Amino acid sequence: MSTVADNINVGQKPEGLEGTGFFATRLEQVVGLARKNSIWPLPFATSCCGIEFMATMGAHYDLARFGSERLSFSPRQADLLMVMGTIAKKMGPVLKQVYEQMAEPRWVLSVGACASSGGIFDTYSVLQGIDRIIPVDVYVPGCPPRPEQIIDGVMKIQALVESESLRRRDSKEYKAMLNTYGIE
C-alpha cells in the first residue's frame, strides 16, 4: 500500500558542490528556481480565452500544481501578465499601462489567436497582436486554446524564468528592446 509520502515528487536541485552538511551553488540558479515555482499571474481576459483560463484554474486542471495558485489583480504584485482574448485598439494603452506598472522581472504570455495575431478579426478596431505594444515571451496557439495548452504555456514561461540570467534585465539589449516599444 502506497502512502502520500511515496507519491510526492521532489524537484531537481540545481548544479553545485555538495558535501556532508553543505551545498553550494550559484545565486542565479537558486533565484531562478524560486521564481519559477512562485509565479503570480495577472489575468487580462477579454473573451472566450478567459473562460478557458477559468477552467485551467479549476480543480480538474489545477494550475496551482505549478506554483501559480495566487492570482494577482494588481500589476504591482504580479510578475506574469496573461493576455487572453481580443484586444481592441482602444484597450491597447490600458494594456500597456498595466504592463508598465508591473515590477521587473516580468513576463508576458499571449493566450489564443486573438491576443497573438488578432485572430479572425482583421478589422480597423482590433489590435493585430499584442506584440505591437508590449513584448511577448510565450505565445499559446488556439481559438480558444484548451486548458492543457495554457498549462503548456505556463510551463514554457517557467523554463524561461528558471534559465534567465539575473543581469539580463540590466543589459543594453533588453533596454533597447523596451525602447522599441516606447517603454523606459
C-alpha atoms as a PDB file:
ATOM      1  CA  MET A   1       0.000   0.000   0.000  1.00  0.00           C
ATOM      2  CA  SER A   2       1.461   3.376  -1.010  1.00  0.00           C
ATOM      3  CA  THR A   3       1.445   6.358   1.298  1.00  0.00           C
ATOM      4  CA  VAL A   4       1.166  10.032   0.472  1.00  0.00           C
ATOM      5  CA  ALA A   5       4.914  10.441   1.023  1.00  0.00           C
ATOM      6  CA  ASP A   6       5.569   7.854  -1.709  1.00  0.00           C
ATOM      7  CA  ASN A   7       3.628   9.954  -4.250  1.00  0.00           C
ATOM      8  CA  ILE A   8       5.496  13.226  -3.662  1.00  0.00           C
ATOM      9  CA  ASN A   9       7.992  14.165  -6.339  1.00  0.00           C
ATOM     10  CA  VAL A  10      10.816  16.358  -5.123  1.00  0.00           C
ATOM     11  CA  GLY A  11      12.085  18.962  -7.593  1.00  0.00           C
ATOM     12  CA  GLN A  12      15.560  18.814  -9.056  1.00  0.00           C
ATOM     13  CA  LYS A  13      18.187  20.729  -7.153  1.00  0.00           C
ATOM     14  CA  PRO A  14      20.485  22.985  -9.150  1.00  0.00           C
ATOM     15  CA  GLU A  15      24.042  22.010 -10.008  1.00  0.00           C
ATOM     16  CA  GLY A  16      26.535  22.680  -7.262  1.00  0.00           C
ATOM     17  CA  LEU A  17      29.071  21.371  -4.810  1.00  0.00           C
ATOM     18  CA  GLU A  18      27.730  19.020  -2.200  1.00  0.00           C
ATOM     19  CA  GLY A  19      29.282  17.515   0.882  1.00  0.00           C
ATOM     20  CA  THR A  20      28.384  16.430   4.350  1.00  0.00           C
ATOM     21  CA  GLY A  21      26.281  19.214   5.836  1.00  0.00           C
ATOM     22  CA  PHE A  22      26.642  21.721   2.994  1.00  0.00           C
ATOM     23  CA  PHE A  23      25.505  22.506  -0.527  1.00  0.00           C
ATOM     24  CA  ALA A  24      26.862  25.374  -2.594  1.00  0.00           C
ATOM     25  CA  THR A  25      25.582  26.642  -5.916  1.00  0.00           C
ATOM     26  CA  ARG A  26      25.297  29.859  -7.899  1.00  0.00           C
ATOM     27  CA  LEU A  27      22.869  32.548  -6.700  1.00  0.00           C
ATOM     28  CA  GLU A  28      21.296  32.784 -10.173  1.00  0.00           C
ATOM     29  CA  GLN A  29      20.235  29.152 -10.066  1.00  0.00           C
ATOM     30  CA  VAL A  30      18.630  29.476  -6.628  1.00  0.00           C
ATOM     31  CA  VAL A  31      16.780  32.667  -7.590  1.00  0.00           C
ATOM     32  CA  GLY A  32      15.653  31.107 -10.877  1.00  0.00           C
ATOM     33  CA  LEU A  33      14.360  28.033  -9.045  1.00  0.00           C
ATOM     34  CA  ALA A  34      12.445  30.173  -6.528  1.00  0.00           C
ATOM     35  CA  ARG A  35      10.946  32.439  -9.195  1.00  0.00           C
ATOM     36  CA  LYS A  36       9.964  29.500 -11.380  1.00  0.00           C
ATOM     37  CA  ASN A  37       7.864  27.942  -8.650  1.00  0.00           C
ATOM     38  CA  SER A  38       6.206  31.105  -7.345  1.00  0.00           C
ATOM     39  CA  ILE A  39       4.798  32.893 -10.383  1.00  0.00           C
ATOM     40  CA  TRP A  40       1.960  35.332  -9.665  1.00  0.00           C
ATOM     41  CA  PRO A  41      -0.141  35.658 -12.812  1.00  0.00           C
ATOM     42  CA  LEU A  42      -2.249  38.689 -13.656  1.00  0.00           C
ATOM     43  CA  PRO A  43      -5.083  37.585 -15.967  1.00  0.00           C
ATOM     44  CA  PHE A  44      -6.100  40.181 -18.570  1.00  0.00           C
ATOM     45  CA  ALA A  45      -9.038  38.317 -20.073  1.00  0.00           C
ATOM     46  CA  THR A  46     -11.482  39.862 -22.504  1.00  0.00           C
ATOM     47  CA  SER A  47     -13.334  36.961 -24.132  1.00  0.00           C
ATOM     48  CA  CYS A  48     -13.502  33.196 -24.655  1.00  0.00           C
ATOM     49  CA  CYS A  49      -9.829  32.512 -23.820  1.00  0.00           C
ATOM     50  CA  GLY A  50     -10.629  33.858 -20.350  1.00  0.00           C
ATOM     51  CA  ILE A  51     -13.256  31.143 -19.933  1.00  0.00           C
ATOM     52  CA  GLU A  52     -10.657  28.521 -20.839  1.00  0.00           C
ATOM     53  CA  PHE A  53      -8.344  30.094 -18.260  1.00  0.00           C
ATOM     54  CA  MET A  54     -11.081  29.730 -15.635  1.00  0.00           C
ATOM     55  CA  ALA A  55     -11.200  26.019 -16.478  1.00  0.00           C
ATOM     56  CA  THR A  56      -7.416  25.921 -16.112  1.00  0.00           C
ATOM     57  CA  MET A  57      -7.702  27.328 -12.591  1.00  0.00           C
ATOM     58  CA  GLY A  58     -10.442  24.824 -11.672  1.00  0.00           C
ATOM     59  CA  ALA A  59      -9.998  21.621  -9.722  1.00  0.00           C
ATOM     60  CA  HIS A  60      -9.706  19.359 -12.799  1.00  0.00           C
ATOM     61  CA  TYR A  61      -6.643  21.064 -14.354  1.00  0.00           C
ATOM     62  CA  ASP A  62      -5.456  22.908 -11.222  1.00  0.00           C
ATOM     63  CA  LEU A  63      -2.839  25.417 -12.309  1.00  0.00           C
ATOM     64  CA  ALA A  64      -1.849  25.655  -8.632  1.00  0.00           C
ATOM     65  CA  ARG A  65       0.199  22.490  -9.105  1.00  0.00           C
ATOM     66  CA  PHE A  66       2.713  24.658 -10.964  1.00  0.00           C
ATOM     67  CA  GLY A  67       3.180  27.288  -8.275  1.00  0.00           C
ATOM     68  CA  SER A  68       0.705  29.730  -9.847  1.00  0.00           C
ATOM     69  CA  GLU A  69      -2.118  29.450  -7.371  1.00  0.00           C
ATOM     70  CA  ARG A  70      -2.346  33.042  -6.282  1.00  0.00           C
ATOM     71  CA  LEU A  71      -3.787  35.273  -8.986  1.00  0.00           C
ATOM     72  CA  SER A  72      -2.920  38.902  -8.594  1.00  0.00           C
ATOM     73  CA  PHE A  73      -5.240  41.556  -9.946  1.00  0.00           C
ATOM     74  CA  SER A  74      -2.752  44.238  -9.000  1.00  0.00           C
ATOM     75  CA  PRO A  75       0.014  44.799 -11.552  1.00  0.00           C
ATOM     76  CA  ARG A  76       2.397  45.873  -8.811  1.00  0.00           C
ATOM     77  CA  GLN A  77       2.394  42.399  -7.274  1.00  0.00           C
ATOM     78  CA  ALA A  78       2.208  40.233 -10.393  1.00  0.00           C
ATOM     79  CA  ASP A  79       5.122  39.037 -12.473  1.00  0.00           C
ATOM     80  CA  LEU A  80       3.294  37.204 -15.286  1.00  0.00           C
ATOM     81  CA  LEU A  81       0.838  39.092 -17.487  1.00  0.00           C
ATOM     82  CA  MET A  82      -1.537  36.641 -19.199  1.00  0.00           C
ATOM     83  CA  VAL A  83      -3.369  38.379 -22.051  1.00  0.00           C
ATOM     84  CA  MET A  84      -6.351  36.348 -23.198  1.00  0.00           C
ATOM     85  CA  GLY A  85      -8.872  37.346 -25.825  1.00  0.00           C
ATOM     86  CA  THR A  86      -9.482  40.071 -28.352  1.00  0.00           C
ATOM     87  CA  ILE A  87      -7.733  43.347 -27.619  1.00  0.00           C
ATOM     88  CA  ALA A  88      -9.357  46.378 -29.223  1.00  0.00           C
ATOM     89  CA  LYS A  89      -7.083  49.239 -30.209  1.00  0.00           C
ATOM     90  CA  LYS A  90      -8.775  51.404 -27.590  1.00  0.00           C
ATOM     91  CA  MET A  91      -7.656  48.922 -24.912  1.00  0.00           C
ATOM     92  CA  GLY A  92      -4.061  48.974 -26.138  1.00  0.00           C
ATOM     93  CA  PRO A  93      -2.952  51.933 -23.976  1.00  0.00           C
ATOM     94  CA  VAL A  94      -4.603  50.329 -20.925  1.00  0.00           C
ATOM     95  CA  LEU A  95      -2.788  47.048 -21.549  1.00  0.00           C
ATOM     96  CA  LYS A  96       0.498  48.888 -21.995  1.00  0.00           C
ATOM     97  CA  GLN A  97      -0.066  50.837 -18.760  1.00  0.00           C
ATOM     98  CA  VAL A  98      -0.757  47.595 -16.876  1.00  0.00           C
ATOM     99  CA  TYR A  99       2.493  46.171 -18.278  1.00  0.00           C
ATOM    100  CA  GLU A 100       4.450  49.268 -17.281  1.00  0.00           C
ATOM    101  CA  GLN A 101       3.069  49.147 -13.727  1.00  0.00           C
ATOM    102  CA  MET A 102       4.407  45.632 -13.207  1.00  0.00           C
ATOM    103  CA  ALA A 103       7.747  45.407 -11.453  1.00  0.00           C
ATOM    104  CA  GLU A 104      10.755  43.785 -13.067  1.00  0.00           C
ATOM    105  CA  PRO A 105      11.252  40.970 -13.763  1.00  0.00           C
ATOM    106  CA  ARG A 106       8.001  40.480 -15.631  1.00  0.00           C
ATOM    107  CA  TRP A 107       6.922  38.093 -18.328  1.00  0.00           C
ATOM    108  CA  VAL A 108       4.053  38.089 -20.833  1.00  0.00           C
ATOM    109  CA  LEU A 109       2.017  35.108 -22.028  1.00  0.00           C
ATOM    110  CA  SER A 110      -0.162  35.746 -25.086  1.00  0.00           C
ATOM    111  CA  VAL A 111      -3.044  33.263 -24.982  1.00  0.00           C
ATOM    112  CA  GLY A 112      -5.052  32.478 -28.095  1.00  0.00           C
ATOM    113  CA  ALA A 113      -5.218  33.617 -31.687  1.00  0.00           C
ATOM    114  CA  CYS A 114      -6.856  36.986 -30.940  1.00  0.00           C
ATOM    115  CA  ALA A 115      -4.208  38.173 -28.468  1.00  0.00           C
ATOM    116  CA  SER A 116      -1.400  36.816 -30.612  1.00  0.00           C
ATOM    117  CA  SER A 117      -2.499  37.998 -34.055  1.00  0.00           C
ATOM    118  CA  GLY A 118      -5.990  39.494 -33.946  1.00  0.00           C
ATOM    119  CA  GLY A 119      -7.488  36.119 -34.857  1.00  0.00           C
ATOM    120  CA  ILE A 120     -10.387  36.267 -37.277  1.00  0.00           C
ATOM    121  CA  PHE A 121     -10.976  39.952 -36.511  1.00  0.00           C
ATOM    122  CA  ASP A 122      -8.950  41.612 -39.258  1.00  0.00           C
ATOM    123  CA  THR A 123     -10.692  44.934 -38.733  1.00  0.00           C
ATOM    124  CA  TYR A 124      -9.664  48.520 -38.060  1.00  0.00           C
ATOM    125  CA  SER A 125     -10.701  48.347 -34.406  1.00  0.00           C
ATOM    126  CA  VAL A 126      -8.849  45.181 -33.320  1.00  0.00           C
ATOM    127  CA  LEU A 127      -5.176  45.152 -32.389  1.00  0.00           C
ATOM    128  CA  GLN A 128      -3.439  42.629 -34.660  1.00  0.00           C
ATOM    129  CA  GLY A 129      -1.280  41.141 -31.904  1.00  0.00           C
ATOM    130  CA  ILE A 130      -0.293  42.462 -28.506  1.00  0.00           C
ATOM    131  CA  ASP A 131       3.362  42.287 -29.505  1.00  0.00           C
ATOM    132  CA  ARG A 132       2.759  45.563 -31.318  1.00  0.00           C
ATOM    133  CA  ILE A 133       2.548  47.366 -27.958  1.00  0.00           C
ATOM    134  CA  ILE A 134       4.322  45.126 -25.394  1.00  0.00           C
ATOM    135  CA  PRO A 135       6.982  42.404 -25.668  1.00  0.00           C
ATOM    136  CA  VAL A 136       5.670  38.831 -25.519  1.00  0.00           C
ATOM    137  CA  ASP A 137       7.680  35.933 -24.102  1.00  0.00           C
ATOM    138  CA  VAL A 138       5.473  32.942 -24.994  1.00  0.00           C
ATOM    139  CA  TYR A 139       2.557  32.525 -27.417  1.00  0.00           C
ATOM    140  CA  VAL A 140      -0.191  29.952 -26.815  1.00  0.00           C
ATOM    141  CA  PRO A 141      -1.940  28.997 -30.078  1.00  0.00           C
ATOM    142  CA  GLY A 142      -5.598  28.092 -30.427  1.00  0.00           C
ATOM    143  CA  CYS A 143      -9.027  29.611 -30.738  1.00  0.00           C
ATOM    144  CA  PRO A 144      -9.665  29.250 -27.860  1.00  0.00           C
ATOM    145  CA  PRO A 145      -6.783  27.135 -26.588  1.00  0.00           C
ATOM    146  CA  ARG A 146      -7.515  24.151 -24.395  1.00  0.00           C
ATOM    147  CA  PRO A 147      -6.509  24.297 -20.717  1.00  0.00           C
ATOM    148  CA  GLU A 148      -3.693  21.845 -21.490  1.00  0.00           C
ATOM    149  CA  GLN A 149      -2.245  24.370 -23.950  1.00  0.00           C
ATOM    150  CA  ILE A 150      -2.437  27.168 -21.362  1.00  0.00           C
ATOM    151  CA  ILE A 151      -0.639  24.937 -18.839  1.00  0.00           C
ATOM    152  CA  ASP A 152       1.983  24.176 -21.501  1.00  0.00           C
ATOM    153  CA  GLY A 153       2.458  27.922 -21.993  1.00  0.00           C
ATOM    154  CA  VAL A 154       2.895  28.456 -18.265  1.00  0.00           C
ATOM    155  CA  MET A 155       5.455  25.639 -18.174  1.00  0.00           C
ATOM    156  CA  LYS A 156       7.375  27.306 -21.023  1.00  0.00           C
ATOM    157  CA  ILE A 157       7.349  30.553 -19.040  1.00  0.00           C
ATOM    158  CA  GLN A 158       8.663  28.621 -16.030  1.00  0.00           C
ATOM    159  CA  ALA A 159      11.521  27.202 -18.112  1.00  0.00           C
ATOM    160  CA  LEU A 160      12.339  30.724 -19.299  1.00  0.00           C
ATOM    161  CA  VAL A 161      12.185  32.121 -15.744  1.00  0.00           C
ATOM    162  CA  GLU A 162      14.443  29.390 -14.396  1.00  0.00           C
ATOM    163  CA  SER A 163      17.107  29.833 -17.055  1.00  0.00           C
ATOM    164  CA  GLU A 164      17.103  33.624 -17.310  1.00  0.00           C
ATOM    165  CA  SER A 165      20.199  35.444 -16.130  1.00  0.00           C
ATOM    166  CA  LEU A 166      19.753  37.892 -13.264  1.00  0.00           C
ATOM    167  CA  ARG A 167      21.591  40.536 -15.274  1.00  0.00           C
ATOM    168  CA  ARG A 168      19.574  40.145 -18.496  1.00  0.00           C
ATOM    169  CA  ARG A 169      17.127  42.865 -17.463  1.00  0.00           C
ATOM    170  CA  ASP A 170      20.004  45.319 -16.971  1.00  0.00           C
ATOM    171  CA  SER A 171      21.562  44.618 -20.361  1.00  0.00           C
ATOM    172  CA  LYS A 172      21.707  47.160 -23.171  1.00  0.00           C
ATOM    173  CA  GLU A 173      19.913  44.745 -25.497  1.00  0.00           C
ATOM    174  CA  TYR A 174      16.937  44.409 -23.145  1.00  0.00           C
ATOM    175  CA  LYS A 175      16.678  48.166 -22.624  1.00  0.00           C
ATOM    176  CA  ALA A 176      16.939  48.741 -26.381  1.00  0.00           C
ATOM    177  CA  MET A 177      14.126  46.215 -26.931  1.00  0.00           C
ATOM    178  CA  LEU A 178      11.913  48.038 -24.405  1.00  0.00           C
ATOM    179  CA  ASN A 179      12.719  51.347 -26.095  1.00  0.00           C
ATOM    180  CA  THR A 180      11.352  49.983 -29.379  1.00  0.00           C
ATOM    181  CA  TYR A 181       8.006  49.685 -27.555  1.00  0.00           C
ATOM    182  CA  GLY A 182       8.333  53.180 -26.065  1.00  0.00           C
ATOM    183  CA  ILE A 183       8.877  51.759 -22.570  1.00  0.00           C
ATOM    184  CA  GLU A 184      11.710  53.051 -20.391  1.00  0.00           C
END
